[in-house]
Amino acid sequence: MRAQLARIDAVLVQALIAAALSFAHLHDVASAAGQDGWKAWAYPVSVDLLLVAAWRRLRTGGAKAAGWCWFVIALTASLGANVATAGLLDLDQVPAWLRILVAGWPAVAFLGGTLLAHSAPAPHGDTEDQQDQEDAPDPAPELPGQPAPEPTPAPPAVAVPAALVEHACKVAAEHRTRTGTAIDTPTLRARLGVPAPMAEAIAAHL
């Protein structure tokens, strides 16, 4: 437990140091580009907030493309400030293109933050339900004016006289004695000379 807390504390300290250095570099670049006073401190705040908003979209949202796009833009701004203050750029004579980028950054950050915060993607459950609905087969269309099909009525029960059943039992017994097997319905029908429904009803009584 203590080792885990030590690792967590080390990560937090490292993150705070990196954030502070990046914050200071962004402030220096904004100040060198003519954004003095509180405005120079607002630039690193806007970059960090855009990074956090993009990272949250990547972790919890479904629109990964938008999250990655704004995350790369904010990360490029942060890395650009770090490289610019590493001696590769004369902060006493800032070029015009950098002044333009710094002046236009608030509009870019506002646009990215607004899109990330107010264009929440659909939950995963809704997406799965929609996919299930798309995969489900379409019901058969009903033609206008066409009546609904009526259910098929069950065939009426056939009344079999008791005498005929008794005669059929004798025929079936004779057939079993002669062949060694039970009489089937077609043979019973042929022996009795009755219609198929009646033969089936008689076979049910055997």
N, C-alpha and C. Protein backbone atom coordinates (compact mmCIF):
# COMPACT_ATOMS: atom_id res chain seq x y z
N MET A 1 0.83 -1.20 0.00
CA MET A 1 0.00 0.00 0.00
C MET A 1 0.87 1.26 0.00
N ARG A 2 1.93 1.26 0.84
CA ARG A 2 2.81 2.43 0.89
C ARG A 2 3.57 2.60 -0.41
N ALA A 3 3.98 1.47 -1.03
CA ALA A 3 4.69 1.57 -2.30
C ALA A 3 3.79 2.15 -3.38
N GLN A 4 2.52 1.75 -3.37
CA GLN A 4 1.58 2.29 -4.35
C GLN A 4 1.38 3.78 -4.14
N LEU A 5 1.25 4.21 -2.88
CA LEU A 5 1.10 5.63 -2.60
C LEU A 5 2.34 6.41 -3.02
N ALA A 6 3.52 5.79 -2.84
CA ALA A 6 4.75 6.47 -3.24
C ALA A 6 4.78 6.66 -4.75
N ARG A 7 4.35 5.63 -5.50
CA ARG A 7 4.33 5.77 -6.96
C ARG A 7 3.34 6.83 -7.40
N ILE A 8 2.18 6.87 -6.74
CA ILE A 8 1.18 7.87 -7.09
C ILE A 8 1.70 9.27 -6.78
N ASP A 9 2.34 9.43 -5.62
CA ASP A 9 2.88 10.74 -5.26
C ASP A 9 3.95 11.18 -6.25
N ALA A 10 4.80 10.26 -6.70
CA ALA A 10 5.85 10.61 -7.66
C ALA A 10 5.24 11.05 -8.98
N VAL A 11 4.20 10.36 -9.41
CA VAL A 11 3.54 10.75 -10.66
C VAL A 11 2.89 12.12 -10.53
N LEU A 12 2.26 12.38 -9.41
CA LEU A 12 1.63 13.68 -9.22
C LEU A 12 2.66 14.80 -9.19
N VAL A 13 3.78 14.56 -8.52
CA VAL A 13 4.83 15.58 -8.46
C VAL A 13 5.38 15.85 -9.86
N GLN A 14 5.62 14.78 -10.62
CA GLN A 14 6.12 14.94 -11.98
C GLN A 14 5.12 15.72 -12.84
N ALA A 15 3.82 15.40 -12.69
CA ALA A 15 2.79 16.10 -13.47
C ALA A 15 2.73 17.58 -13.09
N LEU A 16 2.86 17.88 -11.81
CA LEU A 16 2.82 19.28 -11.38
C LEU A 16 4.02 20.06 -11.91
N ILE A 17 5.19 19.43 -11.90
CA ILE A 17 6.39 20.11 -12.42
C ILE A 17 6.24 20.38 -13.91
N ALA A 18 5.80 19.36 -14.67
CA ALA A 18 5.64 19.54 -16.11
C ALA A 18 4.58 20.60 -16.42
N ALA A 19 3.49 20.61 -15.66
CA ALA A 19 2.44 21.60 -15.89
C ALA A 19 2.93 23.01 -15.58
N ALA A 20 3.70 23.14 -14.51
CA ALA A 20 4.22 24.46 -14.15
C ALA A 20 5.19 24.99 -15.20
N LEU A 21 6.07 24.12 -15.70
CA LEU A 21 7.03 24.56 -16.73
C LEU A 21 6.31 24.95 -18.02
N SER A 22 5.36 24.10 -18.44
CA SER A 22 4.61 24.42 -19.64
C SER A 22 3.81 25.70 -19.46
N PHE A 23 3.22 25.88 -18.28
CA PHE A 23 2.46 27.09 -17.98
C PHE A 23 3.35 28.33 -18.11
N ALA A 24 4.56 28.23 -17.57
CA ALA A 24 5.48 29.38 -17.62
C ALA A 24 5.93 29.68 -19.05
N HIS A 25 6.18 28.62 -19.83
CA HIS A 25 6.60 28.83 -21.22
C HIS A 25 5.51 29.49 -22.04
N LEU A 26 4.27 29.04 -21.87
CA LEU A 26 3.18 29.67 -22.59
C LEU A 26 3.00 31.13 -22.18
N HIS A 27 3.17 31.42 -20.91
CA HIS A 27 3.09 32.79 -20.44
C HIS A 27 4.17 33.65 -21.07
N ASP A 28 5.40 33.13 -21.15
CA ASP A 28 6.51 33.90 -21.71
C ASP A 28 6.28 34.19 -23.20
N VAL A 29 5.80 33.19 -23.94
CA VAL A 29 5.55 33.41 -25.37
C VAL A 29 4.44 34.43 -25.57
N ALA A 30 3.35 34.31 -24.80
CA ALA A 30 2.25 35.27 -24.94
C ALA A 30 2.70 36.67 -24.57
N SER A 31 3.52 36.78 -23.54
CA SER A 31 4.01 38.10 -23.12
C SER A 31 4.94 38.70 -24.18
N ALA A 32 5.80 37.84 -24.78
CA ALA A 32 6.70 38.33 -25.82
C ALA A 32 5.95 38.73 -27.08
N ALA A 33 4.77 38.12 -27.32
CA ALA A 33 3.98 38.44 -28.51
C ALA A 33 3.08 39.66 -28.31
N GLY A 34 3.23 40.34 -27.18
CA GLY A 34 2.48 41.57 -26.97
C GLY A 34 1.28 41.43 -26.07
N GLN A 35 1.05 40.27 -25.50
CA GLN A 35 -0.09 40.06 -24.59
C GLN A 35 0.42 40.21 -23.16
N ASP A 36 0.39 41.40 -22.65
CA ASP A 36 0.96 41.64 -21.34
C ASP A 36 -0.11 41.59 -20.26
N GLY A 37 0.33 41.63 -19.01
CA GLY A 37 -0.58 41.66 -17.87
C GLY A 37 -1.32 40.34 -17.70
N TRP A 38 -2.60 40.43 -17.31
CA TRP A 38 -3.40 39.24 -17.04
C TRP A 38 -3.63 38.40 -18.29
N LYS A 39 -3.55 39.05 -19.46
CA LYS A 39 -3.78 38.31 -20.70
C LYS A 39 -2.70 37.26 -20.93
N ALA A 40 -1.47 37.56 -20.55
CA ALA A 40 -0.40 36.59 -20.72
C ALA A 40 -0.62 35.36 -19.86
N TRP A 41 -1.23 35.54 -18.68
CA TRP A 41 -1.52 34.39 -17.81
C TRP A 41 -2.75 33.62 -18.27
N ALA A 42 -3.64 34.27 -19.01
CA ALA A 42 -4.85 33.58 -19.47
C ALA A 42 -4.55 32.59 -20.60
N TYR A 43 -3.49 32.83 -21.36
CA TYR A 43 -3.17 31.93 -22.47
C TYR A 43 -2.85 30.51 -22.01
N PRO A 44 -1.94 30.31 -21.06
CA PRO A 44 -1.68 28.94 -20.62
C PRO A 44 -2.90 28.27 -19.99
N VAL A 45 -3.76 29.05 -19.34
CA VAL A 45 -4.97 28.47 -18.77
C VAL A 45 -5.86 27.93 -19.88
N SER A 46 -6.02 28.69 -20.97
CA SER A 46 -6.88 28.24 -22.06
C SER A 46 -6.32 27.00 -22.74
N VAL A 47 -4.99 26.92 -22.87
CA VAL A 47 -4.38 25.73 -23.48
C VAL A 47 -4.59 24.50 -22.61
N ASP A 48 -4.37 24.65 -21.32
CA ASP A 48 -4.53 23.50 -20.42
C ASP A 48 -5.99 23.05 -20.35
N LEU A 49 -6.92 24.00 -20.32
CA LEU A 49 -8.33 23.62 -20.28
C LEU A 49 -8.76 22.90 -21.56
N LEU A 50 -8.23 23.32 -22.69
CA LEU A 50 -8.55 22.63 -23.95
C LEU A 50 -7.98 21.22 -23.96
N LEU A 51 -6.79 21.06 -23.40
CA LEU A 51 -6.20 19.71 -23.28
C LEU A 51 -7.07 18.81 -22.40
N VAL A 52 -7.52 19.35 -21.27
CA VAL A 52 -8.34 18.56 -20.36
C VAL A 52 -9.67 18.19 -21.02
N ALA A 53 -10.30 19.14 -21.71
CA ALA A 53 -11.59 18.86 -22.36
C ALA A 53 -11.43 17.81 -23.45
N ALA A 54 -10.35 17.90 -24.23
CA ALA A 54 -10.12 16.90 -25.28
C ALA A 54 -9.82 15.53 -24.69
N TRP A 55 -9.07 15.48 -23.60
CA TRP A 55 -8.75 14.20 -22.96
C TRP A 55 -10.00 13.56 -22.36
N ARG A 56 -10.88 14.37 -21.80
CA ARG A 56 -12.13 13.81 -21.27
C ARG A 56 -12.99 13.24 -22.39
N ARG A 57 -13.01 13.91 -23.54
CA ARG A 57 -13.78 13.37 -24.66
C ARG A 57 -13.18 12.04 -25.13
N LEU A 58 -11.87 11.93 -25.14
CA LEU A 58 -11.24 10.67 -25.55
C LEU A 58 -11.52 9.55 -24.56
N ARG A 59 -11.64 9.87 -23.27
CA ARG A 59 -11.86 8.85 -22.25
C ARG A 59 -13.31 8.43 -22.13
N THR A 60 -14.24 9.36 -22.30
CA THR A 60 -15.64 9.06 -22.01
C THR A 60 -16.56 9.19 -23.21
N GLY A 61 -16.16 9.89 -24.25
CA GLY A 61 -17.05 10.16 -25.36
C GLY A 61 -16.94 9.12 -26.46
N GLY A 62 -17.83 9.25 -27.46
CA GLY A 62 -17.82 8.34 -28.59
C GLY A 62 -17.22 8.96 -29.84
N ALA A 63 -17.18 10.31 -29.94
CA ALA A 63 -16.62 10.99 -31.10
C ALA A 63 -15.12 11.13 -30.89
N LYS A 64 -14.36 10.07 -31.21
CA LYS A 64 -12.92 10.08 -30.98
C LYS A 64 -12.19 11.04 -31.91
N ALA A 65 -12.69 11.23 -33.13
CA ALA A 65 -11.99 12.08 -34.09
C ALA A 65 -11.91 13.52 -33.60
N ALA A 66 -13.03 14.06 -33.09
CA ALA A 66 -13.03 15.43 -32.57
C ALA A 66 -12.11 15.56 -31.36
N GLY A 67 -12.14 14.56 -30.48
CA GLY A 67 -11.28 14.61 -29.31
C GLY A 67 -9.80 14.62 -29.68
N TRP A 68 -9.41 13.74 -30.60
CA TRP A 68 -8.01 13.70 -31.03
C TRP A 68 -7.60 14.98 -31.75
N CYS A 69 -8.49 15.55 -32.55
CA CYS A 69 -8.17 16.77 -33.29
C CYS A 69 -7.82 17.91 -32.35
N TRP A 70 -8.69 18.16 -31.38
CA TRP A 70 -8.44 19.28 -30.47
C TRP A 70 -7.33 18.97 -29.47
N PHE A 71 -7.14 17.69 -29.15
CA PHE A 71 -6.03 17.34 -28.28
C PHE A 71 -4.70 17.62 -28.96
N VAL A 72 -4.60 17.30 -30.25
CA VAL A 72 -3.36 17.57 -31.01
C VAL A 72 -3.12 19.07 -31.14
N ILE A 73 -4.21 19.84 -31.37
CA ILE A 73 -4.05 21.29 -31.49
C ILE A 73 -3.53 21.90 -30.18
N ALA A 74 -4.13 21.51 -29.06
CA ALA A 74 -3.68 22.06 -27.78
C ALA A 74 -2.27 21.58 -27.43
N LEU A 75 -1.97 20.31 -27.74
CA LEU A 75 -0.63 19.80 -27.46
C LEU A 75 0.42 20.49 -28.32
N THR A 76 0.07 20.80 -29.57
CA THR A 76 1.01 21.53 -30.45
C THR A 76 1.28 22.92 -29.91
N ALA A 77 0.24 23.58 -29.40
CA ALA A 77 0.44 24.91 -28.82
C ALA A 77 1.36 24.84 -27.60
N SER A 78 1.17 23.81 -26.76
CA SER A 78 2.00 23.69 -25.57
C SER A 78 3.45 23.35 -25.94
N LEU A 79 3.61 22.38 -26.84
CA LEU A 79 4.98 22.00 -27.25
C LEU A 79 5.66 23.14 -28.00
N GLY A 80 4.88 23.86 -28.82
CA GLY A 80 5.47 24.99 -29.54
C GLY A 80 6.02 26.05 -28.61
N ALA A 81 5.29 26.32 -27.52
CA ALA A 81 5.78 27.31 -26.55
C ALA A 81 7.03 26.80 -25.84
N ASN A 82 7.08 25.51 -25.53
CA ASN A 82 8.27 24.96 -24.88
C ASN A 82 9.50 25.05 -25.78
N VAL A 83 9.31 24.74 -27.07
CA VAL A 83 10.44 24.80 -28.01
C VAL A 83 10.86 26.24 -28.25
N ALA A 84 9.86 27.15 -28.34
CA ALA A 84 10.18 28.55 -28.63
C ALA A 84 11.00 29.18 -27.52
N THR A 85 10.77 28.78 -26.29
CA THR A 85 11.51 29.36 -25.16
C THR A 85 12.79 28.61 -24.84
N ALA A 86 13.16 27.64 -25.69
CA ALA A 86 14.39 26.88 -25.44
C ALA A 86 15.60 27.49 -26.12
N GLY A 87 15.48 28.72 -26.61
CA GLY A 87 16.59 29.40 -27.25
C GLY A 87 16.53 29.38 -28.76
N LEU A 88 15.56 28.72 -29.36
CA LEU A 88 15.42 28.67 -30.81
C LEU A 88 14.71 29.90 -31.37
N LEU A 89 14.11 30.68 -30.50
CA LEU A 89 13.38 31.87 -30.93
C LEU A 89 13.79 33.05 -30.06
N ASP A 90 14.06 34.17 -30.72
CA ASP A 90 14.43 35.39 -30.01
C ASP A 90 13.15 36.06 -29.51
N LEU A 91 12.91 35.96 -28.21
CA LEU A 91 11.69 36.52 -27.65
C LEU A 91 11.70 38.04 -27.62
N ASP A 92 12.87 38.65 -27.86
CA ASP A 92 12.92 40.11 -27.92
C ASP A 92 12.46 40.63 -29.28
N GLN A 93 12.55 39.77 -30.29
CA GLN A 93 12.09 40.14 -31.64
C GLN A 93 11.20 39.01 -32.18
N VAL A 94 9.98 38.98 -31.71
CA VAL A 94 9.04 37.93 -32.09
C VAL A 94 8.56 38.18 -33.52
N PRO A 95 8.60 37.16 -34.39
CA PRO A 95 8.14 37.36 -35.78
C PRO A 95 6.65 37.64 -35.85
N ALA A 96 6.25 38.19 -36.98
CA ALA A 96 4.85 38.58 -37.14
C ALA A 96 3.92 37.38 -37.14
N TRP A 97 4.35 36.24 -37.71
CA TRP A 97 3.47 35.07 -37.78
C TRP A 97 3.14 34.53 -36.39
N LEU A 98 4.12 34.64 -35.45
CA LEU A 98 3.85 34.19 -34.10
C LEU A 98 2.88 35.12 -33.38
N ARG A 99 3.02 36.44 -33.66
CA ARG A 99 2.07 37.37 -33.06
C ARG A 99 0.64 37.08 -33.55
N ILE A 100 0.54 36.71 -34.86
CA ILE A 100 -0.78 36.39 -35.41
C ILE A 100 -1.35 35.13 -34.75
N LEU A 101 -0.50 34.11 -34.57
CA LEU A 101 -0.96 32.88 -33.94
C LEU A 101 -1.41 33.11 -32.51
N VAL A 102 -0.63 33.89 -31.77
CA VAL A 102 -0.99 34.16 -30.37
C VAL A 102 -2.28 34.97 -30.30
N ALA A 103 -2.43 35.96 -31.20
CA ALA A 103 -3.63 36.79 -31.18
C ALA A 103 -4.88 35.99 -31.57
N GLY A 104 -4.71 35.01 -32.44
CA GLY A 104 -5.86 34.22 -32.87
C GLY A 104 -6.18 33.02 -32.00
N TRP A 105 -5.29 32.70 -31.05
CA TRP A 105 -5.52 31.53 -30.22
C TRP A 105 -6.79 31.58 -29.38
N PRO A 106 -7.18 32.72 -28.76
CA PRO A 106 -8.41 32.71 -27.95
C PRO A 106 -9.64 32.24 -28.73
N ALA A 107 -9.75 32.68 -30.00
CA ALA A 107 -10.90 32.24 -30.79
C ALA A 107 -10.85 30.74 -31.05
N VAL A 108 -9.65 30.22 -31.32
CA VAL A 108 -9.50 28.78 -31.55
C VAL A 108 -9.84 27.99 -30.30
N ALA A 109 -9.34 28.44 -29.15
CA ALA A 109 -9.61 27.74 -27.90
C ALA A 109 -11.09 27.80 -27.54
N PHE A 110 -11.72 28.94 -27.79
CA PHE A 110 -13.15 29.05 -27.50
C PHE A 110 -13.96 28.11 -28.38
N LEU A 111 -13.60 28.04 -29.67
CA LEU A 111 -14.32 27.15 -30.57
C LEU A 111 -14.15 25.69 -30.16
N GLY A 112 -12.90 25.29 -29.87
CA GLY A 112 -12.67 23.90 -29.47
C GLY A 112 -13.35 23.53 -28.17
N GLY A 113 -13.26 24.40 -27.17
CA GLY A 113 -13.91 24.11 -25.90
C GLY A 113 -15.42 24.02 -26.02
N THR A 114 -16.01 24.91 -26.85
CA THR A 114 -17.46 24.88 -27.03
C THR A 114 -17.91 23.59 -27.72
N LEU A 115 -17.19 23.19 -28.76
CA LEU A 115 -17.56 21.98 -29.49
C LEU A 115 -17.40 20.74 -28.61
N LEU A 116 -16.36 20.71 -27.80
CA LEU A 116 -16.14 19.54 -26.95
C LEU A 116 -17.14 19.47 -25.80
N ALA A 117 -17.56 20.62 -25.30
CA ALA A 117 -18.44 20.63 -24.13
C ALA A 117 -19.91 20.51 -24.48
N HIS A 118 -20.31 20.97 -25.67
CA HIS A 118 -21.73 21.03 -26.00
C HIS A 118 -22.13 20.13 -27.15
N SER A 119 -21.29 19.21 -27.53
CA SER A 119 -21.66 18.23 -28.57
C SER A 119 -21.43 16.84 -28.01
N ALA A 120 -22.15 16.53 -26.91
CA ALA A 120 -21.99 15.25 -26.24
C ALA A 120 -22.48 14.13 -27.15
N PRO A 121 -21.70 13.07 -27.32
CA PRO A 121 -22.12 11.94 -28.16
C PRO A 121 -23.21 11.13 -27.50
N ALA A 122 -23.87 10.30 -28.29
CA ALA A 122 -24.93 9.43 -27.77
C ALA A 122 -24.33 8.36 -26.88
N PRO A 123 -25.03 7.95 -25.78
CA PRO A 123 -24.52 6.88 -24.92
C PRO A 123 -24.39 5.59 -25.68
N HIS A 124 -23.53 4.71 -25.13
CA HIS A 124 -23.29 3.44 -25.81
C HIS A 124 -24.54 2.58 -25.86
N GLY A 125 -25.37 2.65 -24.81
CA GLY A 125 -26.58 1.83 -24.81
C GLY A 125 -27.52 2.23 -25.93
N ASP A 126 -27.65 3.57 -26.18
CA ASP A 126 -28.52 4.02 -27.27
C ASP A 126 -27.97 3.59 -28.60
N THR A 127 -26.63 3.61 -28.75
CA THR A 127 -26.04 3.18 -30.01
C THR A 127 -26.30 1.72 -30.27
N GLU A 128 -26.21 0.87 -29.23
CA GLU A 128 -26.46 -0.54 -29.41
C GLU A 128 -27.92 -0.81 -29.73
N ASP A 129 -28.84 -0.05 -29.06
CA ASP A 129 -30.25 -0.23 -29.35
C ASP A 129 -30.58 0.17 -30.78
N GLN A 130 -29.92 1.27 -31.23
CA GLN A 130 -30.15 1.70 -32.60
C GLN A 130 -29.61 0.69 -33.59
N GLN A 131 -28.44 0.09 -33.27
CA GLN A 131 -27.88 -0.92 -34.15
C GLN A 131 -28.78 -2.15 -34.21
N ASP A 132 -29.35 -2.53 -33.05
CA ASP A 132 -30.26 -3.68 -33.04
C ASP A 132 -31.51 -3.40 -33.87
N GLN A 133 -32.00 -2.16 -33.79
CA GLN A 133 -33.17 -1.82 -34.58
C GLN A 133 -32.86 -1.81 -36.06
N GLU A 134 -31.62 -1.40 -36.43
CA GLU A 134 -31.26 -1.40 -37.84
C GLU A 134 -31.10 -2.82 -38.35
N ASP A 135 -30.59 -3.72 -37.52
CA ASP A 135 -30.38 -5.10 -37.94
C ASP A 135 -31.66 -5.90 -37.96
N ALA A 136 -32.70 -5.47 -37.24
CA ALA A 136 -33.94 -6.23 -37.19
C ALA A 136 -34.64 -6.19 -38.54
N PRO A 137 -35.21 -7.31 -38.99
CA PRO A 137 -35.89 -7.33 -40.28
C PRO A 137 -37.15 -6.49 -40.25
N ASP A 138 -37.45 -5.86 -41.38
CA ASP A 138 -38.64 -5.03 -41.49
C ASP A 138 -39.89 -5.92 -41.53
N PRO A 139 -40.94 -5.52 -40.84
CA PRO A 139 -42.17 -6.31 -40.90
C PRO A 139 -42.79 -6.23 -42.28
N ALA A 140 -43.55 -7.25 -42.62
CA ALA A 140 -44.19 -7.30 -43.94
C ALA A 140 -45.20 -6.18 -44.05
N PRO A 141 -45.15 -5.41 -45.16
CA PRO A 141 -46.11 -4.29 -45.29
C PRO A 141 -47.53 -4.80 -45.50
N GLU A 142 -48.47 -4.06 -44.94
CA GLU A 142 -49.88 -4.38 -45.09
C GLU A 142 -50.48 -3.53 -46.20
N LEU A 143 -51.12 -4.16 -47.15
CA LEU A 143 -51.73 -3.45 -48.26
C LEU A 143 -53.00 -2.75 -47.77
N PRO A 144 -53.23 -1.52 -48.22
CA PRO A 144 -54.44 -0.81 -47.78
C PRO A 144 -55.70 -1.47 -48.32
N GLY A 145 -56.69 -1.61 -47.46
CA GLY A 145 -57.95 -2.21 -47.86
C GLY A 145 -57.97 -3.72 -47.87
N GLN A 146 -56.82 -4.33 -47.57
CA GLN A 146 -56.76 -5.79 -47.57
C GLN A 146 -57.20 -6.32 -46.22
N PRO A 147 -58.21 -7.20 -46.18
CA PRO A 147 -58.67 -7.70 -44.87
C PRO A 147 -57.64 -8.61 -44.24
N ALA A 148 -57.67 -8.65 -42.94
CA ALA A 148 -56.74 -9.52 -42.22
C ALA A 148 -57.11 -10.97 -42.48
N PRO A 149 -56.11 -11.84 -42.62
CA PRO A 149 -56.42 -13.26 -42.88
C PRO A 149 -57.14 -13.89 -41.70
N GLU A 150 -58.17 -14.65 -42.03
CA GLU A 150 -58.95 -15.32 -40.99
C GLU A 150 -58.24 -16.60 -40.56
N PRO A 151 -58.34 -16.95 -39.28
CA PRO A 151 -57.69 -18.18 -38.82
C PRO A 151 -58.35 -19.41 -39.44
N THR A 152 -57.52 -20.39 -39.75
CA THR A 152 -58.03 -21.63 -40.34
C THR A 152 -58.80 -22.42 -39.31
N PRO A 153 -60.08 -22.74 -39.57
CA PRO A 153 -60.86 -23.48 -38.56
C PRO A 153 -60.37 -24.91 -38.43
N ALA A 154 -60.45 -25.42 -37.22
CA ALA A 154 -60.03 -26.80 -36.98
C ALA A 154 -61.03 -27.76 -37.62
N PRO A 155 -60.55 -28.87 -38.14
CA PRO A 155 -61.46 -29.83 -38.77
C PRO A 155 -62.43 -30.40 -37.75
N PRO A 156 -63.69 -30.56 -38.15
CA PRO A 156 -64.68 -31.08 -37.19
C PRO A 156 -64.40 -32.53 -36.82
N ALA A 157 -64.74 -32.87 -35.60
CA ALA A 157 -64.53 -34.24 -35.14
C ALA A 157 -65.48 -35.20 -35.88
N VAL A 158 -64.92 -36.38 -36.25
CA VAL A 158 -65.69 -37.38 -36.99
C VAL A 158 -66.31 -38.34 -35.99
N ALA A 159 -67.64 -38.49 -36.06
CA ALA A 159 -68.34 -39.43 -35.17
C ALA A 159 -68.22 -40.83 -35.75
N VAL A 160 -67.73 -41.75 -34.97
CA VAL A 160 -67.52 -43.13 -35.41
C VAL A 160 -68.52 -44.03 -34.67
N PRO A 161 -69.33 -44.77 -35.38
CA PRO A 161 -70.26 -45.69 -34.70
C PRO A 161 -69.50 -46.77 -33.92
N ALA A 162 -70.08 -47.19 -32.81
CA ALA A 162 -69.43 -48.20 -31.98
C ALA A 162 -69.29 -49.53 -32.71
N ALA A 163 -70.27 -49.85 -33.54
CA ALA A 163 -70.20 -51.10 -34.29
C ALA A 163 -69.03 -51.09 -35.26
N LEU A 164 -68.77 -49.92 -35.87
CA LEU A 164 -67.66 -49.83 -36.81
C LEU A 164 -66.32 -49.94 -36.09
N VAL A 165 -66.26 -49.38 -34.89
CA VAL A 165 -65.03 -49.49 -34.11
C VAL A 165 -64.78 -50.95 -33.72
N GLU A 166 -65.86 -51.65 -33.35
CA GLU A 166 -65.71 -53.06 -32.97
C GLU A 166 -65.25 -53.90 -34.16
N HIS A 167 -65.82 -53.60 -35.35
CA HIS A 167 -65.40 -54.32 -36.55
C HIS A 167 -63.95 -54.02 -36.89
N ALA A 168 -63.54 -52.76 -36.70
CA ALA A 168 -62.16 -52.38 -36.98
C ALA A 168 -61.20 -53.08 -36.03
N CYS A 169 -61.60 -53.27 -34.79
CA CYS A 169 -60.74 -53.99 -33.84
C CYS A 169 -60.53 -55.43 -34.29
N LYS A 170 -61.57 -56.06 -34.84
CA LYS A 170 -61.42 -57.43 -35.34
C LYS A 170 -60.48 -57.47 -36.54
N VAL A 171 -60.63 -56.47 -37.43
CA VAL A 171 -59.74 -56.41 -38.60
C VAL A 171 -58.30 -56.19 -38.17
N ALA A 172 -58.08 -55.31 -37.19
CA ALA A 172 -56.72 -55.04 -36.72
C ALA A 172 -56.12 -56.26 -36.04
N ALA A 173 -56.94 -57.00 -35.26
CA ALA A 173 -56.45 -58.20 -34.61
C ALA A 173 -56.08 -59.25 -35.64
N GLU A 174 -56.90 -59.39 -36.66
CA GLU A 174 -56.60 -60.37 -37.71
C GLU A 174 -55.31 -60.01 -38.44
N HIS A 175 -55.14 -58.71 -38.69
CA HIS A 175 -53.92 -58.26 -39.37
C HIS A 175 -52.67 -58.52 -38.53
N ARG A 176 -52.77 -58.28 -37.22
CA ARG A 176 -51.62 -58.54 -36.34
C ARG A 176 -51.30 -60.03 -36.29
N THR A 177 -52.36 -60.88 -36.25
CA THR A 177 -52.13 -62.32 -36.20
C THR A 177 -51.47 -62.81 -37.48
N ARG A 178 -51.86 -62.23 -38.61
CA ARG A 178 -51.35 -62.70 -39.89
C ARG A 178 -49.97 -62.14 -40.23
N THR A 179 -49.73 -60.90 -39.86
CA THR A 179 -48.46 -60.25 -40.26
C THR A 179 -47.51 -60.06 -39.08
N GLY A 180 -48.01 -60.07 -37.87
CA GLY A 180 -47.17 -59.83 -36.70
C GLY A 180 -46.91 -58.37 -36.42
N THR A 181 -47.53 -57.45 -37.17
CA THR A 181 -47.36 -56.00 -36.95
C THR A 181 -48.72 -55.36 -36.84
N ALA A 182 -48.73 -54.15 -36.24
CA ALA A 182 -49.98 -53.42 -36.10
C ALA A 182 -50.42 -52.87 -37.45
N ILE A 183 -51.70 -52.80 -37.67
CA ILE A 183 -52.25 -52.32 -38.92
C ILE A 183 -52.08 -50.81 -39.00
N ASP A 184 -51.70 -50.31 -40.18
CA ASP A 184 -51.55 -48.87 -40.35
C ASP A 184 -52.86 -48.28 -40.87
N THR A 185 -52.92 -46.94 -40.88
CA THR A 185 -54.17 -46.27 -41.25
C THR A 185 -54.56 -46.49 -42.71
N PRO A 186 -53.62 -46.40 -43.70
CA PRO A 186 -54.03 -46.66 -45.09
C PRO A 186 -54.58 -48.07 -45.29
N THR A 187 -53.97 -49.08 -44.63
CA THR A 187 -54.47 -50.45 -44.77
C THR A 187 -55.84 -50.60 -44.12
N LEU A 188 -56.01 -49.96 -42.95
CA LEU A 188 -57.30 -50.01 -42.28
C LEU A 188 -58.38 -49.35 -43.13
N ARG A 189 -58.04 -48.27 -43.78
CA ARG A 189 -59.01 -47.58 -44.62
C ARG A 189 -59.41 -48.47 -45.80
N ALA A 190 -58.41 -49.14 -46.40
CA ALA A 190 -58.72 -50.01 -47.55
C ALA A 190 -59.56 -51.21 -47.13
N ARG A 191 -59.29 -51.75 -45.94
CA ARG A 191 -60.04 -52.92 -45.49
C ARG A 191 -61.48 -52.56 -45.13
N LEU A 192 -61.66 -51.35 -44.55
CA LEU A 192 -63.01 -50.95 -44.13
C LEU A 192 -63.77 -50.23 -45.22
N GLY A 193 -63.05 -49.63 -46.19
CA GLY A 193 -63.73 -48.90 -47.25
C GLY A 193 -64.37 -47.61 -46.77
N VAL A 194 -63.67 -46.86 -45.88
CA VAL A 194 -64.20 -45.62 -45.33
C VAL A 194 -63.32 -44.46 -45.78
N PRO A 195 -63.79 -43.21 -45.69
CA PRO A 195 -62.96 -42.05 -46.03
C PRO A 195 -61.76 -41.92 -45.08
N ALA A 196 -60.78 -41.13 -45.52
CA ALA A 196 -59.55 -40.96 -44.74
C ALA A 196 -59.81 -40.35 -43.36
N PRO A 197 -60.65 -39.29 -43.21
CA PRO A 197 -60.89 -38.75 -41.86
C PRO A 197 -61.49 -39.78 -40.92
N MET A 198 -62.40 -40.58 -41.42
CA MET A 198 -63.02 -41.59 -40.55
C MET A 198 -62.01 -42.68 -40.21
N ALA A 199 -61.16 -43.05 -41.19
CA ALA A 199 -60.15 -44.06 -40.92
C ALA A 199 -59.18 -43.57 -39.83
N GLU A 200 -58.84 -42.29 -39.88
CA GLU A 200 -57.94 -41.75 -38.83
C GLU A 200 -58.65 -41.74 -37.48
N ALA A 201 -59.94 -41.40 -37.47
CA ALA A 201 -60.67 -41.41 -36.20
C ALA A 201 -60.79 -42.81 -35.63
N ILE A 202 -60.98 -43.82 -36.52
CA ILE A 202 -61.07 -45.22 -36.05
C ILE A 202 -59.71 -45.68 -35.53
N ALA A 203 -58.63 -45.28 -36.22
CA ALA A 203 -57.28 -45.69 -35.78
C ALA A 203 -56.98 -45.10 -34.40
N ALA A 204 -57.55 -43.92 -34.10
CA ALA A 204 -57.32 -43.34 -32.78
C ALA A 204 -57.99 -44.14 -31.69
N HIS A 205 -59.04 -44.90 -32.02
CA HIS A 205 -59.72 -45.71 -31.02
C HIS A 205 -59.07 -47.08 -30.83
N LEU A 206 -58.16 -47.45 -31.71
CA LEU A 206 -57.57 -48.79 -31.60
C LEU A 206 -56.47 -48.79 -30.54
